[in-house]
Protein backbone atom coordinates (compact mmCIF):
# COMPACT_ATOMS: atom_id res chain seq x y z
CA UNK A 1 -0.01 0.00 -0.01
CA UNK A 2 1.27 3.46 -0.88
CA UNK A 3 0.36 6.36 1.41
CA UNK A 4 -0.74 9.28 -0.71
CA UNK A 5 -0.77 11.76 2.15
CA UNK A 6 -3.74 13.68 3.51
CA UNK A 7 -7.00 13.45 1.56
CA UNK A 8 -7.64 16.26 -0.87
CA UNK A 9 -9.71 18.94 0.88
CA UNK A 10 -10.38 20.74 -2.35
CA UNK A 11 -8.71 23.92 -1.07
CA UNK A 12 -5.57 24.80 -3.03
CA UNK A 13 -2.48 25.18 -0.89
CA UNK A 14 -0.17 28.08 -1.73
CA UNK A 15 3.48 27.10 -2.08
CA UNK A 16 5.77 28.73 0.46
CA UNK A 17 7.04 32.18 -0.55
CA UNK A 18 10.49 31.99 -2.10
CA UNK A 19 12.65 34.55 -0.33
CA UNK A 20 15.92 35.87 -1.73
CA UNK A 21 18.80 36.71 0.56
CA UNK A 22 18.91 40.41 1.36
CA UNK A 23 22.40 41.84 0.86
CA UNK A 24 23.00 44.83 3.13
CA UNK A 25 25.56 46.54 5.30
CA UNK A 26 25.61 48.25 8.69
CA UNK A 27 28.12 51.01 9.30
CA UNK A 28 28.63 53.97 11.64
CA UNK A 29 26.49 56.89 10.45
CA UNK A 30 29.64 58.96 9.82
CA UNK A 31 30.67 56.35 7.22
CA UNK A 32 33.21 54.57 9.44
CA UNK A 33 33.38 50.79 9.52
CA UNK A 34 31.52 48.82 12.17
CA UNK A 35 33.81 46.62 14.25
CA UNK A 36 31.26 43.93 15.07
CA UNK A 37 33.06 42.33 17.99
CA UNK A 38 33.40 44.93 20.71
CA UNK A 39 34.44 47.93 18.67
CA UNK A 40 31.21 49.90 18.24
CA UNK A 41 31.45 53.11 20.22
CA UNK A 42 28.48 53.99 22.44
CA UNK A 43 26.65 57.21 21.63
CA UNK A 44 26.91 56.87 17.85
CA UNK A 45 24.25 56.54 15.16
CA UNK A 46 24.19 53.54 12.83
CA UNK A 47 23.46 53.40 9.11
CA UNK A 48 21.86 50.48 7.30
CA UNK A 49 22.38 50.49 3.53
CA UNK A 50 20.27 48.10 1.44
CA UNK A 51 21.00 48.10 -2.30
CA UNK A 52 17.30 47.66 -3.24
CA UNK A 53 14.29 49.84 -2.56
CA UNK A 54 12.11 48.03 -0.06
CA UNK A 55 8.37 48.57 0.26
CA UNK A 56 7.17 46.46 3.18
CA UNK A 57 9.73 46.32 5.99
CA UNK A 58 10.70 47.54 9.42
CA UNK A 59 14.12 48.03 10.98
CA UNK A 60 14.48 47.16 14.65
CA UNK A 61 17.34 47.67 17.09
CA UNK A 62 17.36 44.77 19.60
CA UNK A 63 19.31 43.97 22.74
CA UNK A 64 20.87 40.57 23.49
CA UNK A 65 17.53 39.26 24.82
CA UNK A 66 15.80 40.31 21.54
CA UNK A 67 13.94 43.14 23.28
CA UNK A 68 13.43 46.24 21.15
CA UNK A 69 15.74 49.16 22.10
CA UNK A 70 14.37 52.69 21.89
CA UNK A 71 15.63 54.35 18.71
CA UNK A 72 14.42 56.65 15.98
CA UNK A 73 14.88 55.64 12.35
CA UNK A 74 15.22 58.05 9.42
CA UNK A 75 14.35 56.08 6.30
CA UNK A 76 15.35 57.34 2.85
CA UNK A 77 14.02 55.55 -0.21
CA UNK A 78 15.60 56.14 -3.62
CA UNK A 79 16.62 53.27 -5.92
CA UNK A 80 17.93 51.76 -2.63
CA UNK A 81 16.96 51.91 1.05
CA UNK A 82 19.00 53.84 3.60
CA UNK A 83 18.16 53.90 7.28
CA UNK A 84 19.80 56.08 9.90
CA UNK A 85 19.34 54.57 13.39
CA UNK A 86 19.62 56.89 16.40
CA UNK A 87 19.55 54.92 19.69
CA UNK A 88 17.93 57.00 22.46
CA UNK A 89 19.31 56.74 25.09
CA UNK A 90 22.79 55.70 23.88
CA UNK A 91 23.66 52.00 23.87
CA UNK A 92 25.32 50.42 26.91
CA UNK A 93 29.03 49.72 26.76
CA UNK A 94 30.24 46.14 26.43
CA UNK A 95 26.80 44.92 25.38
CA UNK A 96 25.48 42.86 22.48
CA UNK A 97 22.89 44.31 20.11
CA UNK A 98 21.53 43.55 16.68
CA UNK A 99 19.80 45.41 13.89
CA UNK A 100 17.15 43.37 12.14
CA UNK A 101 15.15 43.91 8.95
CA UNK A 102 11.74 42.25 9.10
CA UNK A 103 8.40 42.39 7.31
CA UNK A 104 6.13 45.18 8.48
CA UNK A 105 2.60 44.05 7.62
CA UNK A 106 2.94 40.99 5.41
CA UNK A 107 4.56 37.56 5.44
CA UNK A 108 7.86 38.77 3.93
CA UNK A 109 10.04 41.80 3.32
CA UNK A 110 9.22 42.95 -0.21
CA UNK A 111 10.38 45.39 -2.83
CA UNK A 112 7.87 47.40 -4.95
CA UNK A 113 7.86 44.69 -7.61
CA UNK A 114 6.76 42.08 -5.03
CA UNK A 115 10.07 40.24 -4.73
CA UNK A 116 10.27 38.65 -1.27
CA UNK A 117 13.39 38.71 0.90
CA UNK A 118 14.40 36.73 3.93
CA UNK A 119 14.60 38.44 7.28
CA UNK A 120 18.12 39.72 7.94
CA UNK A 121 20.05 40.54 11.07
CA UNK A 122 23.52 41.85 11.95
CA UNK A 123 24.78 41.39 15.53
CA UNK A 124 27.41 43.61 17.09
CA UNK A 125 29.01 44.38 20.42
CA UNK A 126 29.71 47.81 21.84
CA UNK A 127 33.14 48.90 23.06
CA UNK A 128 34.07 48.99 26.75
CA UNK A 129 33.14 47.06 29.83
CA UNK A 130 29.56 45.91 30.41
CA UNK A 131 27.64 47.96 32.97
CA UNK A 132 27.71 46.50 36.47
CA UNK A 133 24.88 44.16 37.34
CA UNK A 134 22.34 45.51 39.73
CA UNK A 135 22.75 44.10 43.22
CA UNK A 136 20.08 41.79 44.43
CA UNK A 137 18.04 43.10 47.31
CA UNK A 138 16.91 39.79 48.78
CA UNK A 139 16.25 39.82 52.48
CA UNK A 140 17.88 37.13 54.54
CA UNK A 141 15.82 35.70 57.34
CA UNK A 142 17.50 34.33 60.42
CA UNK A 143 16.21 31.06 61.82
CA UNK A 144 15.81 30.81 65.57
């Protein structure tokens, strides 16, 4: 006996969206290179340069726990996509962050022609020592 899979429900199933890799770069806003492993100065703006014009996307600055970090983005669309990212407040020293490009309101990042792109992320670490951990304020109870 050959198993033909699930019975035909009569509802057509859309094939998965084919997503192209998104080629992009992340630099310091002043044009300087981004040292990904512990060389990013705190208090600087970042620039994401994407060589295609995107239509449905969002850029997010995330901390190491994938929580969104407060930042403003200045997006410029020409024949390409440029995003200036201004963290506010400045990033912590010695900490890991990432900039991700994700779909905004659909299933995939898209350009105006409808081409879908895979989500993209660049991780980096800021220069300096990490901030001290907050002391735990647990009360100790004495046993009598």
